[in-house]
Amino acid sequence: MAKAKKKIPKTGAATSEKSEGKSEGRFAKYPRHSLGAALRVPRAILDQNAGREATDRDAARFAGVGYHGPFRVELSSAIKYGLLERPSAGKVSITALARQILRPQKSNDEIGGMRQALLNAPVVSDVYKHFRGRIFPTNSS
């Protein structure tokens, strides 16, 4: 009869680093879509639902896509730019900033709104603020 192997619990720095990395990697701190791509869902909600609050599934339908993982990431990007907000769980509504970009009232509303959306985005705005007024470093190989 074969002896059962004794299971040794995993502990130590290497294990905790891996598990911490997984939890951090699961949710990006920055938008994973460009600003132009992140405008797709707010535009669809504005065009198809007159800008009213919508469920996540309805927002996907308005955008003409299925409600699955990649769409949820797209919603997350739009939220990080400040184009969408969550009035309650499972629902999204477009913000005044998204309206400013998509339905500009003045000649500089669109570009000003896009600038503000980029500054709202975590990490993106940090990089901008760090290098503001300086020469951006080049890859010297």
N, C-alpha and C. Protein backbone atom coordinates (compact mmCIF):
# COMPACT_ATOMS: atom_id res chain seq x y z
N MET A 1 0.84 -1.16 0.00
CA MET A 1 0.00 0.00 0.00
C MET A 1 0.89 1.24 0.00
N ALA A 2 0.58 2.18 -0.89
CA ALA A 2 1.38 3.40 -1.01
C ALA A 2 1.03 4.35 0.11
N LYS A 3 2.05 5.02 0.60
CA LYS A 3 1.87 5.99 1.65
C LYS A 3 1.40 7.31 1.06
N ALA A 4 0.41 7.92 1.67
CA ALA A 4 -0.08 9.22 1.19
C ALA A 4 0.95 10.29 1.50
N LYS A 5 1.16 11.18 0.52
CA LYS A 5 2.11 12.27 0.73
C LYS A 5 1.52 13.30 1.66
N LYS A 6 2.36 13.78 2.54
CA LYS A 6 1.94 14.79 3.48
C LYS A 6 1.95 16.14 2.78
N LYS A 7 0.84 16.85 2.86
CA LYS A 7 0.73 18.14 2.20
C LYS A 7 1.33 19.21 3.11
N ILE A 8 2.25 19.94 2.59
CA ILE A 8 2.91 21.00 3.35
C ILE A 8 2.29 22.33 2.95
N PRO A 9 1.80 23.08 3.91
CA PRO A 9 1.21 24.38 3.56
C PRO A 9 2.26 25.32 3.01
N LYS A 10 1.86 26.08 1.99
CA LYS A 10 2.80 27.03 1.38
C LYS A 10 2.80 28.31 2.19
N THR A 11 3.99 28.72 2.57
CA THR A 11 4.16 29.98 3.30
C THR A 11 5.42 30.63 2.79
N GLY A 12 5.66 31.81 3.26
CA GLY A 12 6.90 32.47 2.90
C GLY A 12 6.67 33.66 1.98
N ALA A 13 7.75 34.38 1.74
CA ALA A 13 7.67 35.62 0.97
C ALA A 13 7.28 35.37 -0.48
N ALA A 14 7.80 34.32 -1.09
CA ALA A 14 7.52 34.07 -2.50
C ALA A 14 6.04 33.83 -2.74
N THR A 15 5.40 33.07 -1.87
CA THR A 15 3.98 32.77 -2.03
C THR A 15 3.14 34.02 -1.83
N SER A 16 3.44 34.81 -0.80
CA SER A 16 2.64 36.00 -0.55
C SER A 16 2.82 37.02 -1.66
N GLU A 17 4.03 37.12 -2.25
CA GLU A 17 4.24 38.03 -3.36
C GLU A 17 3.40 37.63 -4.56
N LYS A 18 3.34 36.32 -4.83
CA LYS A 18 2.56 35.85 -5.97
C LYS A 18 1.08 36.14 -5.76
N SER A 19 0.58 35.86 -4.57
CA SER A 19 -0.85 36.07 -4.34
C SER A 19 -1.18 37.56 -4.33
N GLU A 20 -0.27 38.40 -3.82
CA GLU A 20 -0.52 39.84 -3.86
C GLU A 20 -0.53 40.33 -5.30
N GLY A 21 0.37 39.83 -6.12
CA GLY A 21 0.44 40.22 -7.52
C GLY A 21 -0.81 39.86 -8.28
N LYS A 22 -1.38 38.70 -7.95
CA LYS A 22 -2.60 38.27 -8.63
C LYS A 22 -3.75 39.20 -8.30
N SER A 23 -3.89 39.58 -7.04
CA SER A 23 -5.02 40.45 -6.69
C SER A 23 -4.84 41.83 -7.29
N GLU A 24 -3.60 42.33 -7.35
CA GLU A 24 -3.36 43.63 -7.95
C GLU A 24 -3.56 43.56 -9.46
N GLY A 25 -3.15 42.49 -10.10
CA GLY A 25 -3.25 42.36 -11.53
C GLY A 25 -4.67 42.17 -12.01
N ARG A 26 -5.53 41.77 -11.12
CA ARG A 26 -6.92 41.50 -11.51
C ARG A 26 -7.66 42.77 -11.89
N PHE A 27 -7.41 43.85 -11.17
CA PHE A 27 -8.06 45.12 -11.44
C PHE A 27 -6.99 46.16 -11.76
N ALA A 28 -7.03 46.67 -12.97
CA ALA A 28 -6.05 47.67 -13.38
C ALA A 28 -6.33 48.99 -12.68
N LYS A 29 -5.27 49.69 -12.36
CA LYS A 29 -5.41 50.99 -11.72
C LYS A 29 -5.59 52.09 -12.77
N TYR A 30 -5.44 51.75 -14.02
CA TYR A 30 -5.53 52.71 -15.11
C TYR A 30 -6.54 52.20 -16.14
N PRO A 31 -7.06 53.08 -16.99
CA PRO A 31 -8.00 52.61 -18.02
C PRO A 31 -7.27 51.75 -19.04
N ARG A 32 -7.85 50.65 -19.41
CA ARG A 32 -7.22 49.74 -20.36
C ARG A 32 -7.58 50.07 -21.81
N HIS A 33 -8.44 51.07 -22.00
CA HIS A 33 -8.85 51.48 -23.34
C HIS A 33 -8.42 52.93 -23.57
N SER A 34 -8.25 53.27 -24.84
CA SER A 34 -7.98 54.66 -25.17
C SER A 34 -9.23 55.47 -24.86
N LEU A 35 -9.07 56.77 -24.77
CA LEU A 35 -10.21 57.63 -24.48
C LEU A 35 -11.25 57.52 -25.59
N GLY A 36 -10.81 57.47 -26.82
CA GLY A 36 -11.74 57.32 -27.94
C GLY A 36 -12.55 56.05 -27.86
N ALA A 37 -11.90 54.95 -27.50
CA ALA A 37 -12.61 53.67 -27.37
C ALA A 37 -13.55 53.69 -26.17
N ALA A 38 -13.15 54.36 -25.10
CA ALA A 38 -13.97 54.41 -23.89
C ALA A 38 -15.22 55.26 -24.09
N LEU A 39 -15.25 56.08 -25.12
CA LEU A 39 -16.43 56.90 -25.40
C LEU A 39 -17.55 56.11 -26.08
N ARG A 40 -17.25 54.90 -26.53
CA ARG A 40 -18.24 54.11 -27.26
C ARG A 40 -19.50 53.85 -26.44
N VAL A 41 -19.35 53.43 -25.21
CA VAL A 41 -20.51 53.09 -24.38
C VAL A 41 -21.31 54.35 -24.00
N PRO A 42 -20.66 55.42 -23.52
CA PRO A 42 -21.45 56.62 -23.24
C PRO A 42 -22.19 57.14 -24.49
N ARG A 43 -21.54 57.07 -25.64
CA ARG A 43 -22.18 57.51 -26.88
C ARG A 43 -23.41 56.65 -27.19
N ALA A 44 -23.26 55.34 -27.00
CA ALA A 44 -24.38 54.43 -27.26
C ALA A 44 -25.54 54.69 -26.30
N ILE A 45 -25.23 54.94 -25.03
CA ILE A 45 -26.29 55.23 -24.05
C ILE A 45 -26.97 56.55 -24.40
N LEU A 46 -26.20 57.53 -24.82
CA LEU A 46 -26.77 58.83 -25.19
C LEU A 46 -27.65 58.71 -26.44
N ASP A 47 -27.17 57.98 -27.43
CA ASP A 47 -27.90 57.83 -28.69
C ASP A 47 -29.12 56.91 -28.57
N GLN A 48 -28.96 55.79 -27.88
CA GLN A 48 -30.00 54.77 -27.85
C GLN A 48 -30.96 54.88 -26.67
N ASN A 49 -30.53 55.58 -25.60
CA ASN A 49 -31.34 55.63 -24.39
C ASN A 49 -31.53 57.07 -23.91
N ALA A 50 -31.26 58.02 -24.78
CA ALA A 50 -31.41 59.45 -24.46
C ALA A 50 -30.61 59.86 -23.22
N GLY A 51 -29.51 59.14 -22.95
CA GLY A 51 -28.65 59.49 -21.84
C GLY A 51 -29.15 59.09 -20.47
N ARG A 52 -30.24 58.35 -20.42
CA ARG A 52 -30.78 57.92 -19.13
C ARG A 52 -29.95 56.77 -18.56
N GLU A 53 -30.06 56.58 -17.26
CA GLU A 53 -29.40 55.47 -16.55
C GLU A 53 -29.78 54.15 -17.22
N ALA A 54 -28.83 53.22 -17.27
CA ALA A 54 -29.08 51.92 -17.90
C ALA A 54 -28.37 50.83 -17.10
N THR A 55 -28.88 49.62 -17.21
CA THR A 55 -28.19 48.49 -16.60
C THR A 55 -26.96 48.18 -17.44
N ASP A 56 -26.01 47.45 -16.86
CA ASP A 56 -24.81 47.08 -17.60
C ASP A 56 -25.18 46.27 -18.85
N ARG A 57 -26.12 45.35 -18.71
CA ARG A 57 -26.55 44.53 -19.85
C ARG A 57 -27.19 45.37 -20.95
N ASP A 58 -28.02 46.34 -20.57
CA ASP A 58 -28.63 47.23 -21.56
C ASP A 58 -27.56 48.07 -22.25
N ALA A 59 -26.58 48.54 -21.49
CA ALA A 59 -25.49 49.33 -22.08
C ALA A 59 -24.75 48.51 -23.13
N ALA A 60 -24.51 47.24 -22.84
CA ALA A 60 -23.85 46.36 -23.82
C ALA A 60 -24.72 46.22 -25.06
N ARG A 61 -26.01 46.04 -24.85
CA ARG A 61 -26.93 45.92 -25.99
C ARG A 61 -26.94 47.19 -26.82
N PHE A 62 -26.96 48.36 -26.17
CA PHE A 62 -26.94 49.63 -26.88
C PHE A 62 -25.67 49.77 -27.71
N ALA A 63 -24.55 49.26 -27.17
CA ALA A 63 -23.27 49.34 -27.88
C ALA A 63 -23.14 48.26 -28.96
N GLY A 64 -24.08 47.32 -28.98
CA GLY A 64 -24.07 46.28 -30.00
C GLY A 64 -23.09 45.16 -29.73
N VAL A 65 -22.80 44.92 -28.46
CA VAL A 65 -21.87 43.85 -28.09
C VAL A 65 -22.50 42.97 -27.01
N GLY A 66 -21.89 41.84 -26.77
CA GLY A 66 -22.36 40.95 -25.72
C GLY A 66 -21.88 41.41 -24.36
N TYR A 67 -22.60 41.00 -23.34
CA TYR A 67 -22.23 41.35 -21.98
C TYR A 67 -21.30 40.26 -21.45
N HIS A 68 -20.01 40.52 -21.53
CA HIS A 68 -19.00 39.55 -21.10
C HIS A 68 -17.80 40.30 -20.56
N GLY A 69 -16.75 39.60 -20.23
CA GLY A 69 -15.58 40.18 -19.59
C GLY A 69 -14.99 41.39 -20.29
N PRO A 70 -14.71 41.33 -21.60
CA PRO A 70 -14.13 42.49 -22.27
C PRO A 70 -15.03 43.74 -22.20
N PHE A 71 -16.33 43.54 -22.24
CA PHE A 71 -17.23 44.69 -22.13
C PHE A 71 -17.14 45.30 -20.74
N ARG A 72 -17.03 44.47 -19.72
CA ARG A 72 -16.91 44.98 -18.35
C ARG A 72 -15.63 45.80 -18.18
N VAL A 73 -14.57 45.37 -18.85
CA VAL A 73 -13.31 46.13 -18.80
C VAL A 73 -13.51 47.48 -19.49
N GLU A 74 -14.27 47.49 -20.58
CA GLU A 74 -14.57 48.73 -21.29
C GLU A 74 -15.38 49.68 -20.40
N LEU A 75 -16.34 49.15 -19.67
CA LEU A 75 -17.10 49.96 -18.71
C LEU A 75 -16.17 50.54 -17.65
N SER A 76 -15.28 49.71 -17.15
CA SER A 76 -14.33 50.15 -16.14
C SER A 76 -13.47 51.30 -16.66
N SER A 77 -13.02 51.19 -17.90
CA SER A 77 -12.21 52.27 -18.49
C SER A 77 -13.01 53.56 -18.57
N ALA A 78 -14.25 53.49 -19.01
CA ALA A 78 -15.10 54.68 -19.12
C ALA A 78 -15.32 55.31 -17.74
N ILE A 79 -15.46 54.49 -16.72
CA ILE A 79 -15.64 54.99 -15.35
C ILE A 79 -14.37 55.68 -14.88
N LYS A 80 -13.21 55.10 -15.17
CA LYS A 80 -11.94 55.68 -14.75
C LYS A 80 -11.67 57.03 -15.42
N TYR A 81 -12.13 57.20 -16.65
CA TYR A 81 -11.99 58.49 -17.33
C TYR A 81 -13.02 59.51 -16.81
N GLY A 82 -14.02 59.05 -16.09
CA GLY A 82 -15.06 59.94 -15.60
C GLY A 82 -16.18 60.15 -16.60
N LEU A 83 -16.32 59.24 -17.56
CA LEU A 83 -17.36 59.34 -18.58
C LEU A 83 -18.65 58.66 -18.14
N LEU A 84 -18.53 57.67 -17.28
CA LEU A 84 -19.67 56.96 -16.73
C LEU A 84 -19.54 56.95 -15.21
N GLU A 85 -20.67 56.81 -14.55
CA GLU A 85 -20.66 56.65 -13.09
C GLU A 85 -21.66 55.56 -12.73
N ARG A 86 -21.52 55.05 -11.54
CA ARG A 86 -22.41 53.99 -11.06
C ARG A 86 -23.36 54.57 -10.01
N PRO A 87 -24.60 54.86 -10.41
CA PRO A 87 -25.56 55.35 -9.42
C PRO A 87 -25.97 54.26 -8.44
N SER A 88 -25.93 53.00 -8.89
CA SER A 88 -26.19 51.85 -8.03
C SER A 88 -25.52 50.64 -8.67
N ALA A 89 -25.43 49.57 -7.94
CA ALA A 89 -24.76 48.36 -8.44
C ALA A 89 -25.46 47.85 -9.70
N GLY A 90 -24.67 47.55 -10.73
CA GLY A 90 -25.21 46.99 -11.96
C GLY A 90 -25.82 48.01 -12.90
N LYS A 91 -25.71 49.30 -12.56
CA LYS A 91 -26.25 50.35 -13.42
C LYS A 91 -25.19 51.40 -13.71
N VAL A 92 -25.29 52.01 -14.87
CA VAL A 92 -24.37 53.09 -15.25
C VAL A 92 -25.17 54.27 -15.78
N SER A 93 -24.60 55.44 -15.62
CA SER A 93 -25.19 56.63 -16.23
C SER A 93 -24.06 57.49 -16.75
N ILE A 94 -24.34 58.25 -17.79
CA ILE A 94 -23.28 59.08 -18.35
C ILE A 94 -23.14 60.34 -17.50
N THR A 95 -21.95 60.87 -17.48
CA THR A 95 -21.65 62.05 -16.66
C THR A 95 -21.78 63.32 -17.51
N ALA A 96 -21.74 64.45 -16.82
CA ALA A 96 -21.75 65.74 -17.51
C ALA A 96 -20.53 65.87 -18.41
N LEU A 97 -19.41 65.28 -17.99
CA LEU A 97 -18.19 65.33 -18.80
C LEU A 97 -18.39 64.59 -20.12
N ALA A 98 -19.02 63.44 -20.09
CA ALA A 98 -19.28 62.69 -21.32
C ALA A 98 -20.22 63.48 -22.22
N ARG A 99 -21.22 64.11 -21.64
CA ARG A 99 -22.14 64.95 -22.43
C ARG A 99 -21.40 66.12 -23.07
N GLN A 100 -20.48 66.71 -22.32
CA GLN A 100 -19.69 67.83 -22.83
C GLN A 100 -18.88 67.42 -24.05
N ILE A 101 -18.31 66.22 -24.01
CA ILE A 101 -17.50 65.73 -25.12
C ILE A 101 -18.37 65.33 -26.30
N LEU A 102 -19.45 64.61 -26.03
CA LEU A 102 -20.27 64.04 -27.10
C LEU A 102 -21.28 65.03 -27.69
N ARG A 103 -21.73 65.99 -26.91
CA ARG A 103 -22.70 67.00 -27.37
C ARG A 103 -22.20 68.39 -26.97
N PRO A 104 -21.07 68.82 -27.57
CA PRO A 104 -20.48 70.10 -27.16
C PRO A 104 -21.42 71.28 -27.45
N GLN A 105 -21.45 72.23 -26.54
CA GLN A 105 -22.26 73.44 -26.70
C GLN A 105 -21.42 74.61 -27.20
N LYS A 106 -20.13 74.59 -26.88
CA LYS A 106 -19.19 75.64 -27.30
C LYS A 106 -18.10 74.99 -28.14
N SER A 107 -17.36 75.80 -28.85
CA SER A 107 -16.33 75.27 -29.76
C SER A 107 -15.22 74.51 -29.04
N ASN A 108 -14.90 74.88 -27.81
CA ASN A 108 -13.80 74.22 -27.10
C ASN A 108 -14.28 73.18 -26.08
N ASP A 109 -15.57 72.87 -26.03
CA ASP A 109 -16.09 71.89 -25.07
C ASP A 109 -15.51 70.49 -25.29
N GLU A 110 -15.45 70.05 -26.53
CA GLU A 110 -14.99 68.69 -26.80
C GLU A 110 -13.54 68.50 -26.38
N ILE A 111 -12.65 69.38 -26.85
CA ILE A 111 -11.23 69.21 -26.52
C ILE A 111 -10.98 69.43 -25.02
N GLY A 112 -11.68 70.38 -24.42
CA GLY A 112 -11.54 70.62 -22.98
C GLY A 112 -12.02 69.43 -22.17
N GLY A 113 -13.12 68.83 -22.61
CA GLY A 113 -13.64 67.64 -21.94
C GLY A 113 -12.71 66.45 -22.06
N MET A 114 -12.13 66.29 -23.23
CA MET A 114 -11.18 65.17 -23.43
C MET A 114 -9.94 65.38 -22.56
N ARG A 115 -9.49 66.60 -22.46
CA ARG A 115 -8.35 66.90 -21.60
C ARG A 115 -8.66 66.54 -20.15
N GLN A 116 -9.85 66.94 -19.70
CA GLN A 116 -10.26 66.65 -18.33
C GLN A 116 -10.39 65.14 -18.10
N ALA A 117 -10.94 64.43 -19.07
CA ALA A 117 -11.09 62.97 -18.94
C ALA A 117 -9.72 62.31 -18.79
N LEU A 118 -8.74 62.76 -19.55
CA LEU A 118 -7.39 62.19 -19.42
C LEU A 118 -6.80 62.49 -18.05
N LEU A 119 -7.07 63.68 -17.53
CA LEU A 119 -6.55 64.02 -16.20
C LEU A 119 -7.29 63.28 -15.09
N ASN A 120 -8.50 62.80 -15.36
CA ASN A 120 -9.25 62.00 -14.38
C ASN A 120 -8.68 60.60 -14.25
N ALA A 121 -8.08 60.09 -15.32
CA ALA A 121 -7.63 58.70 -15.36
C ALA A 121 -6.45 58.49 -14.41
N PRO A 122 -6.59 57.53 -13.48
CA PRO A 122 -5.47 57.25 -12.58
C PRO A 122 -4.27 56.75 -13.38
N VAL A 123 -3.11 56.97 -12.89
CA VAL A 123 -1.82 56.61 -13.46
C VAL A 123 -1.52 57.49 -14.68
N VAL A 124 -2.44 57.61 -15.61
CA VAL A 124 -2.23 58.48 -16.78
C VAL A 124 -1.99 59.91 -16.31
N SER A 125 -2.84 60.39 -15.41
CA SER A 125 -2.68 61.75 -14.91
C SER A 125 -1.42 61.89 -14.06
N ASP A 126 -1.05 60.84 -13.34
CA ASP A 126 0.19 60.88 -12.55
C ASP A 126 1.40 61.05 -13.45
N VAL A 127 1.44 60.33 -14.56
CA VAL A 127 2.55 60.44 -15.51
C VAL A 127 2.57 61.85 -16.10
N TYR A 128 1.40 62.33 -16.49
CA TYR A 128 1.31 63.68 -17.07
C TYR A 128 1.83 64.73 -16.08
N LYS A 129 1.36 64.65 -14.84
CA LYS A 129 1.77 65.63 -13.83
C LYS A 129 3.27 65.53 -13.55
N HIS A 130 3.82 64.32 -13.58
CA HIS A 130 5.24 64.14 -13.32
C HIS A 130 6.10 64.79 -14.41
N PHE A 131 5.69 64.64 -15.67
CA PHE A 131 6.50 65.14 -16.78
C PHE A 131 6.04 66.49 -17.31
N ARG A 132 5.04 67.08 -16.72
CA ARG A 132 4.52 68.36 -17.20
C ARG A 132 5.62 69.41 -17.24
N GLY A 133 5.79 70.00 -18.40
CA GLY A 133 6.80 71.04 -18.57
C GLY A 133 8.22 70.52 -18.76
N ARG A 134 8.40 69.22 -18.77
CA ARG A 134 9.73 68.64 -18.96
C ARG A 134 9.79 67.90 -20.28
N ILE A 135 10.98 67.62 -20.70
CA ILE A 135 11.15 66.82 -21.93
C ILE A 135 10.92 65.37 -21.56
N PHE A 136 10.08 64.72 -22.32
CA PHE A 136 9.76 63.32 -22.08
C PHE A 136 10.99 62.48 -22.38
N PRO A 137 11.38 61.54 -21.51
CA PRO A 137 12.59 60.74 -21.74
C PRO A 137 12.44 59.83 -22.97
N THR A 138 13.55 59.64 -23.65
CA THR A 138 13.56 58.74 -24.80
C THR A 138 14.31 57.47 -24.43
N ASN A 139 14.07 56.45 -25.21
CA ASN A 139 14.76 55.18 -24.99
C ASN A 139 16.13 55.27 -25.63
N SER A 140 17.17 55.34 -24.82
CA SER A 140 18.53 55.46 -25.37
C SER A 140 19.21 54.10 -25.36
N SER A 141 19.11 53.43 -26.50
CA SER A 141 19.73 52.11 -26.64
C SER A 141 20.89 52.17 -27.56
